[in-house]
Amino acid sequence: MVIKEKDQDVKFLINEKDGKIIELLLIAGGKDENVLISIKGNINLKNISKLSKSMNINGLEHLEEIDKK
């Protein structure tokens, strides 16, 4: 999934095995900052999105939109 905002692009890549997400890679870049986050394990995207809000991790809130794409 790719999300383009005003001055930032966010790209999510997943690695699946047997129909389950085992790795999530987030790449975000813009004028002022760049971010690379890799999460490995048994991944539930909606739970990761909720967790990112409580930990104040920018970029992962876009996972809420995963079902819309």
N, C-alpha and C. Protein backbone atom coordinates (compact mmCIF):
# COMPACT_ATOMS: atom_id res chain seq x y z
N MET A 1 0.85 -1.16 0.00
CA MET A 1 0.00 0.00 0.00
C MET A 1 0.89 1.23 0.00
N VAL A 2 0.55 2.22 -0.79
CA VAL A 2 1.28 3.48 -0.84
C VAL A 2 0.31 4.61 -0.52
N ILE A 3 0.73 5.49 0.38
CA ILE A 3 -0.07 6.66 0.73
C ILE A 3 0.76 7.89 0.43
N LYS A 4 0.19 8.79 -0.35
CA LYS A 4 0.88 10.04 -0.69
C LYS A 4 0.13 11.18 -0.02
N GLU A 5 0.87 11.93 0.80
CA GLU A 5 0.31 13.11 1.44
C GLU A 5 1.02 14.33 0.88
N LYS A 6 0.74 15.49 1.43
CA LYS A 6 1.30 16.74 0.92
C LYS A 6 2.78 16.64 0.58
N ASP A 7 3.59 16.41 1.59
CA ASP A 7 5.03 16.39 1.37
C ASP A 7 5.68 15.11 1.87
N GLN A 8 4.88 14.03 1.95
CA GLN A 8 5.42 12.78 2.45
C GLN A 8 4.76 11.59 1.75
N ASP A 9 5.56 10.59 1.45
CA ASP A 9 5.05 9.32 0.90
C ASP A 9 5.30 8.23 1.93
N VAL A 10 4.30 7.36 2.11
CA VAL A 10 4.41 6.25 3.04
C VAL A 10 4.13 4.97 2.27
N LYS A 11 5.02 3.99 2.39
CA LYS A 11 4.86 2.72 1.69
C LYS A 11 4.91 1.59 2.71
N PHE A 12 3.93 0.69 2.64
CA PHE A 12 3.89 -0.50 3.49
C PHE A 12 4.14 -1.72 2.62
N LEU A 13 5.04 -2.58 3.05
CA LEU A 13 5.30 -3.84 2.38
C LEU A 13 5.11 -4.95 3.40
N ILE A 14 4.53 -6.06 2.97
CA ILE A 14 4.33 -7.18 3.89
C ILE A 14 4.95 -8.44 3.32
N ASN A 15 5.34 -9.33 4.21
CA ASN A 15 5.84 -10.65 3.85
C ASN A 15 4.85 -11.64 4.44
N GLU A 16 4.26 -12.47 3.60
CA GLU A 16 3.27 -13.44 4.05
C GLU A 16 3.80 -14.87 3.95
N LYS A 17 3.35 -15.69 4.87
CA LYS A 17 3.67 -17.12 4.83
C LYS A 17 2.42 -17.87 5.27
N ASP A 18 1.95 -18.77 4.45
CA ASP A 18 0.74 -19.54 4.72
C ASP A 18 -0.46 -18.64 5.03
N GLY A 19 -0.55 -17.52 4.32
CA GLY A 19 -1.69 -16.62 4.47
C GLY A 19 -1.63 -15.72 5.69
N LYS A 20 -0.52 -15.74 6.42
CA LYS A 20 -0.37 -14.89 7.61
C LYS A 20 0.75 -13.90 7.37
N ILE A 21 0.58 -12.69 7.88
CA ILE A 21 1.61 -11.67 7.75
C ILE A 21 2.68 -11.95 8.80
N ILE A 22 3.92 -12.13 8.33
CA ILE A 22 5.01 -12.43 9.26
C ILE A 22 6.02 -11.27 9.36
N GLU A 23 5.91 -10.31 8.44
CA GLU A 23 6.78 -9.14 8.52
C GLU A 23 6.09 -7.95 7.88
N LEU A 24 6.25 -6.80 8.52
CA LEU A 24 5.72 -5.54 8.02
C LEU A 24 6.88 -4.57 7.91
N LEU A 25 7.02 -3.95 6.75
CA LEU A 25 8.06 -2.96 6.52
C LEU A 25 7.39 -1.65 6.16
N LEU A 26 7.70 -0.59 6.89
CA LEU A 26 7.16 0.73 6.62
C LEU A 26 8.31 1.61 6.19
N ILE A 27 8.15 2.26 5.04
CA ILE A 27 9.14 3.20 4.53
C ILE A 27 8.41 4.53 4.31
N ALA A 28 8.89 5.58 4.98
CA ALA A 28 8.27 6.89 4.84
C ALA A 28 9.36 7.90 4.54
N GLY A 29 9.06 8.80 3.64
CA GLY A 29 10.04 9.82 3.29
C GLY A 29 9.36 11.12 2.93
N GLY A 30 10.04 12.18 3.24
CA GLY A 30 9.51 13.49 2.93
C GLY A 30 10.62 14.51 2.91
N LYS A 31 10.23 15.74 2.92
CA LYS A 31 11.17 16.85 2.83
C LYS A 31 12.09 16.92 4.05
N ASP A 32 11.54 16.67 5.24
CA ASP A 32 12.30 16.88 6.47
C ASP A 32 12.76 15.62 7.18
N GLU A 33 12.17 14.46 6.87
CA GLU A 33 12.55 13.26 7.60
C GLU A 33 12.29 12.00 6.78
N ASN A 34 12.98 10.94 7.17
CA ASN A 34 12.79 9.62 6.57
C ASN A 34 12.68 8.60 7.69
N VAL A 35 11.86 7.57 7.47
CA VAL A 35 11.62 6.56 8.50
C VAL A 35 11.63 5.18 7.85
N LEU A 36 12.25 4.23 8.54
CA LEU A 36 12.22 2.83 8.13
C LEU A 36 11.92 2.01 9.38
N ILE A 37 10.81 1.27 9.37
CA ILE A 37 10.41 0.44 10.50
C ILE A 37 10.17 -0.97 9.98
N SER A 38 10.79 -1.95 10.64
CA SER A 38 10.58 -3.36 10.30
C SER A 38 10.04 -4.06 11.54
N ILE A 39 8.89 -4.73 11.39
CA ILE A 39 8.28 -5.48 12.49
C ILE A 39 8.13 -6.92 12.03
N LYS A 40 8.66 -7.84 12.82
CA LYS A 40 8.57 -9.26 12.49
C LYS A 40 7.78 -9.99 13.56
N GLY A 41 7.07 -11.04 13.14
CA GLY A 41 6.27 -11.85 14.06
C GLY A 41 4.92 -12.15 13.45
N ASN A 42 3.99 -12.63 14.25
CA ASN A 42 2.62 -12.86 13.83
C ASN A 42 1.90 -11.52 13.92
N ILE A 43 1.60 -10.89 12.81
CA ILE A 43 1.18 -9.49 12.80
C ILE A 43 -0.30 -9.34 12.46
N ASN A 44 -0.99 -8.60 13.33
CA ASN A 44 -2.37 -8.18 13.09
C ASN A 44 -2.30 -6.67 12.84
N LEU A 45 -2.58 -6.24 11.61
CA LEU A 45 -2.38 -4.85 11.22
C LEU A 45 -3.22 -3.87 12.03
N LYS A 46 -4.43 -4.22 12.36
CA LYS A 46 -5.28 -3.31 13.14
C LYS A 46 -4.73 -3.13 14.55
N ASN A 47 -4.21 -4.20 15.15
CA ASN A 47 -3.61 -4.09 16.48
C ASN A 47 -2.34 -3.25 16.44
N ILE A 48 -1.54 -3.38 15.39
CA ILE A 48 -0.33 -2.58 15.25
C ILE A 48 -0.70 -1.10 15.15
N SER A 49 -1.77 -0.79 14.42
CA SER A 49 -2.22 0.59 14.28
C SER A 49 -2.63 1.15 15.64
N LYS A 50 -3.37 0.40 16.43
CA LYS A 50 -3.78 0.85 17.76
C LYS A 50 -2.57 1.05 18.66
N LEU A 51 -1.61 0.13 18.58
CA LEU A 51 -0.41 0.23 19.39
C LEU A 51 0.40 1.48 19.03
N SER A 52 0.45 1.81 17.76
CA SER A 52 1.22 2.97 17.32
C SER A 52 0.66 4.26 17.91
N LYS A 53 -0.66 4.32 18.10
CA LYS A 53 -1.27 5.52 18.69
C LYS A 53 -0.82 5.69 20.13
N SER A 54 -0.82 4.60 20.89
CA SER A 54 -0.44 4.71 22.30
C SER A 54 1.06 4.98 22.47
N MET A 55 1.87 4.57 21.48
CA MET A 55 3.31 4.77 21.56
C MET A 55 3.75 6.01 20.79
N ASN A 56 2.81 6.70 20.16
CA ASN A 56 3.09 7.91 19.39
C ASN A 56 4.13 7.66 18.29
N ILE A 57 3.92 6.59 17.50
CA ILE A 57 4.80 6.27 16.38
C ILE A 57 4.15 6.80 15.11
N ASN A 58 4.76 7.81 14.52
CA ASN A 58 4.20 8.41 13.31
C ASN A 58 4.30 7.45 12.13
N GLY A 59 3.27 7.47 11.29
CA GLY A 59 3.27 6.67 10.07
C GLY A 59 2.41 5.44 10.17
N LEU A 60 2.46 4.74 11.30
CA LEU A 60 1.71 3.50 11.42
C LEU A 60 0.21 3.71 11.53
N GLU A 61 -0.22 4.95 11.84
CA GLU A 61 -1.66 5.20 11.91
C GLU A 61 -2.34 4.97 10.57
N HIS A 62 -1.58 4.97 9.49
CA HIS A 62 -2.15 4.74 8.16
C HIS A 62 -2.62 3.29 7.97
N LEU A 63 -2.22 2.41 8.86
CA LEU A 63 -2.66 1.02 8.76
C LEU A 63 -4.17 0.89 8.93
N GLU A 64 -4.81 1.87 9.57
CA GLU A 64 -6.27 1.85 9.70
C GLU A 64 -6.92 1.87 8.33
N GLU A 65 -6.23 2.41 7.34
CA GLU A 65 -6.77 2.53 6.00
C GLU A 65 -6.55 1.30 5.14
N ILE A 66 -5.92 0.27 5.70
CA ILE A 66 -5.53 -0.91 4.93
C ILE A 66 -6.72 -1.61 4.30
N ASP A 67 -7.86 -1.64 4.98
CA ASP A 67 -9.05 -2.29 4.43
C ASP A 67 -9.70 -1.48 3.31
N LYS A 68 -9.40 -0.19 3.25
CA LYS A 68 -9.98 0.69 2.23
C LYS A 68 -9.26 0.55 0.90
N LYS A 69 -8.02 0.05 0.92
CA LYS A 69 -7.22 -0.04 -0.30
C LYS A 69 -7.41 -1.36 -1.01
